[in-house]
């Protein structure tokens, strides 16, 4: 049996913090499970 696994990383732009960073989230394509990565990124880089 062959299986595939998809992972999508995305920025939650509507949750921008006061220092300009945006939280990074992850979504599993098969189960549609979403969770935060507990890190913030600068969207301008």
C-alpha atoms as a PDB file:
ATOM      1  CA  UNK A   1       0.000   0.000   0.000  1.00  0.00           C
ATOM      2  CA  UNK A   2       1.316   3.414  -0.939  1.00  0.00           C
ATOM      3  CA  UNK A   3       0.483   6.512   1.076  1.00  0.00           C
ATOM      4  CA  UNK A   4       1.249  10.199   0.759  1.00  0.00           C
ATOM      5  CA  UNK A   5       1.548  12.894   3.345  1.00  0.00           C
ATOM      6  CA  UNK A   6       1.091  16.612   2.711  1.00  0.00           C
ATOM      7  CA  UNK A   7       2.167  19.412   5.041  1.00  0.00           C
ATOM      8  CA  UNK A   8       1.455  23.065   4.344  1.00  0.00           C
ATOM      9  CA  UNK A   9       3.135  25.912   6.217  1.00  0.00           C
ATOM     10  CA  UNK A  10       1.426  29.283   6.100  1.00  0.00           C
ATOM     11  CA  UNK A  11       1.456  32.704   7.773  1.00  0.00           C
ATOM     12  CA  UNK A  12      -1.546  33.778   9.814  1.00  0.00           C
ATOM     13  CA  UNK A  13      -1.547  37.358   8.461  1.00  0.00           C
ATOM     14  CA  UNK A  14      -4.639  38.479  10.378  1.00  0.00           C
ATOM     15  CA  UNK A  15      -2.782  37.912  13.690  1.00  0.00           C
ATOM     16  CA  UNK A  16       0.103  40.361  13.164  1.00  0.00           C
ATOM     17  CA  UNK A  17       1.833  41.341  16.421  1.00  0.00           C
ATOM     18  CA  UNK A  18       2.860  44.823  17.491  1.00  0.00           C
ATOM     19  CA  UNK A  19       6.525  44.225  16.565  1.00  0.00           C
ATOM     20  CA  UNK A  20       5.537  43.366  12.950  1.00  0.00           C
ATOM     21  CA  UNK A  21       6.004  39.597  13.133  1.00  0.00           C
ATOM     22  CA  UNK A  22       3.380  37.066  12.053  1.00  0.00           C
ATOM     23  CA  UNK A  23       2.798  33.596  13.568  1.00  0.00           C
ATOM     24  CA  UNK A  24       3.654  30.535  11.486  1.00  0.00           C
ATOM     25  CA  UNK A  25       1.041  27.765  11.290  1.00  0.00           C
ATOM     26  CA  UNK A  26       1.049  24.270   9.844  1.00  0.00           C
ATOM     27  CA  UNK A  27      -1.760  22.246   8.262  1.00  0.00           C
ATOM     28  CA  UNK A  28      -1.906  18.527   7.536  1.00  0.00           C
ATOM     29  CA  UNK A  29      -3.525  17.990   4.148  1.00  0.00           C
ATOM     30  CA  UNK A  30      -5.064  14.600   4.903  1.00  0.00           C
ATOM     31  CA  UNK A  31      -6.740  15.208   8.243  1.00  0.00           C
ATOM     32  CA  UNK A  32      -7.064  19.006   8.004  1.00  0.00           C
ATOM     33  CA  UNK A  33      -5.404  19.325  11.410  1.00  0.00           C
ATOM     34  CA  UNK A  34      -4.090  22.843  12.066  1.00  0.00           C
ATOM     35  CA  UNK A  35      -1.612  23.853  14.708  1.00  0.00           C
ATOM     36  CA  UNK A  36       0.712  26.735  15.527  1.00  0.00           C
ATOM     37  CA  UNK A  37       4.455  26.295  15.209  1.00  0.00           C
ATOM     38  CA  UNK A  38       5.097  28.568  18.223  1.00  0.00           C
ATOM     39  CA  UNK A  39       7.416  30.820  16.237  1.00  0.00           C
ATOM     40  CA  UNK A  40       6.938  34.209  14.622  1.00  0.00           C
ATOM     41  CA  UNK A  41       8.476  35.326  11.350  1.00  0.00           C
ATOM     42  CA  UNK A  42       9.119  38.645   9.689  1.00  0.00           C
ATOM     43  CA  UNK A  43       6.977  38.672   6.505  1.00  0.00           C
ATOM     44  CA  UNK A  44       9.307  41.123   4.723  1.00  0.00           C
ATOM     45  CA  UNK A  45      12.227  38.666   4.561  1.00  0.00           C
END
